[in-house]
Every structure is written in structure tokens, then in C-alpha cells.
Amino acid sequence: MLMTRPIRVMIIDDHALVRAGLRMLIDAHRSMKVVADVGQRWEAIQAAAREHPDIILLDLDMGGESGLAFFPDLVTAAPGAKVIVLTGVRDADSHWQAVRSGARGLVLKDKAAEVLIKAIDKVHAGEIWLDAKTTARILDELARPNAAVRDDPDARKIATLTAREKEVIEVACLGVRNREIGRRLFISEVTVRHHLSSIYSKLGVADRFELTIYAFRHGLAQRPG
């Protein structure tokens, strides 16, 4: 039986009890492993560089300092890591700032434990995990006139897409995994990966997150709601 490597998770929170609770929750799942939990900025940078985590759980409020203040240092120290922001503050502006900084997920601290576990799994798989208000904020930004303008370079990029690639984009923007895209379009998961690679190259996007934003902006997928 082929054993898969557990998702390596790093926790950054200035409260020791919160870190201990998160570690117990995450380590209880065989598919995940906490490789570090730290409470200060300098510890976070060192641990990220040393452990190379897959997922970083970052508290926005680090004892008076925003976790976003050292977000660039984190991604430099662990370039392969994907960041999920944890916050107890329902502030749409700070949530939007986190997404613009590069966070691939956002979980409110009052959510059930299962929500965080699912968010870690989804983000690690290449998807995004955002609350409804942050998603609405992104869509509002995209709806502004200056974001809706399609210039000639983008029109030329889109014209290179095949009909099948456009179908893949529509389903991918629903937030489902490659296997589900293949099931819906009656193609193999390997074929889905080939299509996505071609799409990324043609449109000049790096991943599913950027593809989703691009597709919403240029009418290649229907915005939720």
C-alpha cells in the first residue's frame, strides 16, 4: 500500500494555549502533522526556513502586530508554503488585505474544528478557502469598471483557448478538484492536468487561484451568487 506524506503544518499564534489546541486537533489526523508552533515573528521566520511546511496557519493579531507585517518574510523563507490566515476579527478590509498579500485561505476562529481541517486539506490540494464576505469583496473589486475592461492582449490570449479548455475553466472555477472536473467532463484526471497546464501557459496565470480571478474578470466563468 502506497503511503502518502502527511501535510506538514506550521502554526503561528501568540497564544500558547491556542497553539497547543491547534496542534492536538491537527495531529489527530493521520494525513496531517504539525512540524512547528511558534508565537513570535523571529521564531516564525526561522521555523519556516528550517521546516519547509506545506501549510502555514497565521494569526492576524500577533500581540499588537499584524501577521501580515511579516507575510513576505514567511513566503521567502518557505516559498513552497501556502498560507491560511486565522482570525477572530470579522473585518472585511483586513481579510481582503490578507488575500491580496497572497493568503490562499481564511478561517474565522469561531468556526468548528472540522472547518479548519477541511480548509487545510483543500488549500494543500490547490484550492482556495475564503469566507463569504471576503469572496463578495473580491467580486465587488472585479465588478468595478477598471477591472472589467478587456484589452486587446487579453482578448488575444482568450482566443487561443480551445472549446474544451473553456469547459475545464468553467468547472475548475467551481472550486472542485481535478478528479471531479474529469468526472463532469468525461475525461481522465491526467487529461485535466494537461488542460490546466496549457490554460495557465496561455493566460499567463500561475495557479487555480489566479485562474479563477482571471476567469471571473473576463467572463470565462460565472461568478458565484
Foldseek 3Di string as FASTA:
>chain_A
DDDDAAQEEEEEAQDPVVQVVLQVLQVVDPNHHYPYYDQDDVVLLVSCLVPLGQEYEAEQCRPNHGSLVCLVSNCVSRVNHAYEYEYQDPDLVVLLVCVVSHHQEYDYPVDDSVLVVVQSVLVSLFFGYYDPSNLVVLLVVLPDPVLQDDDPLQVVLVVPQDPVLLLLLQVLLVSDHLCVSCVVVVHHSVVSVVSVVVSCVSNVHDGSVRSNSVCSSHVSYDRDD
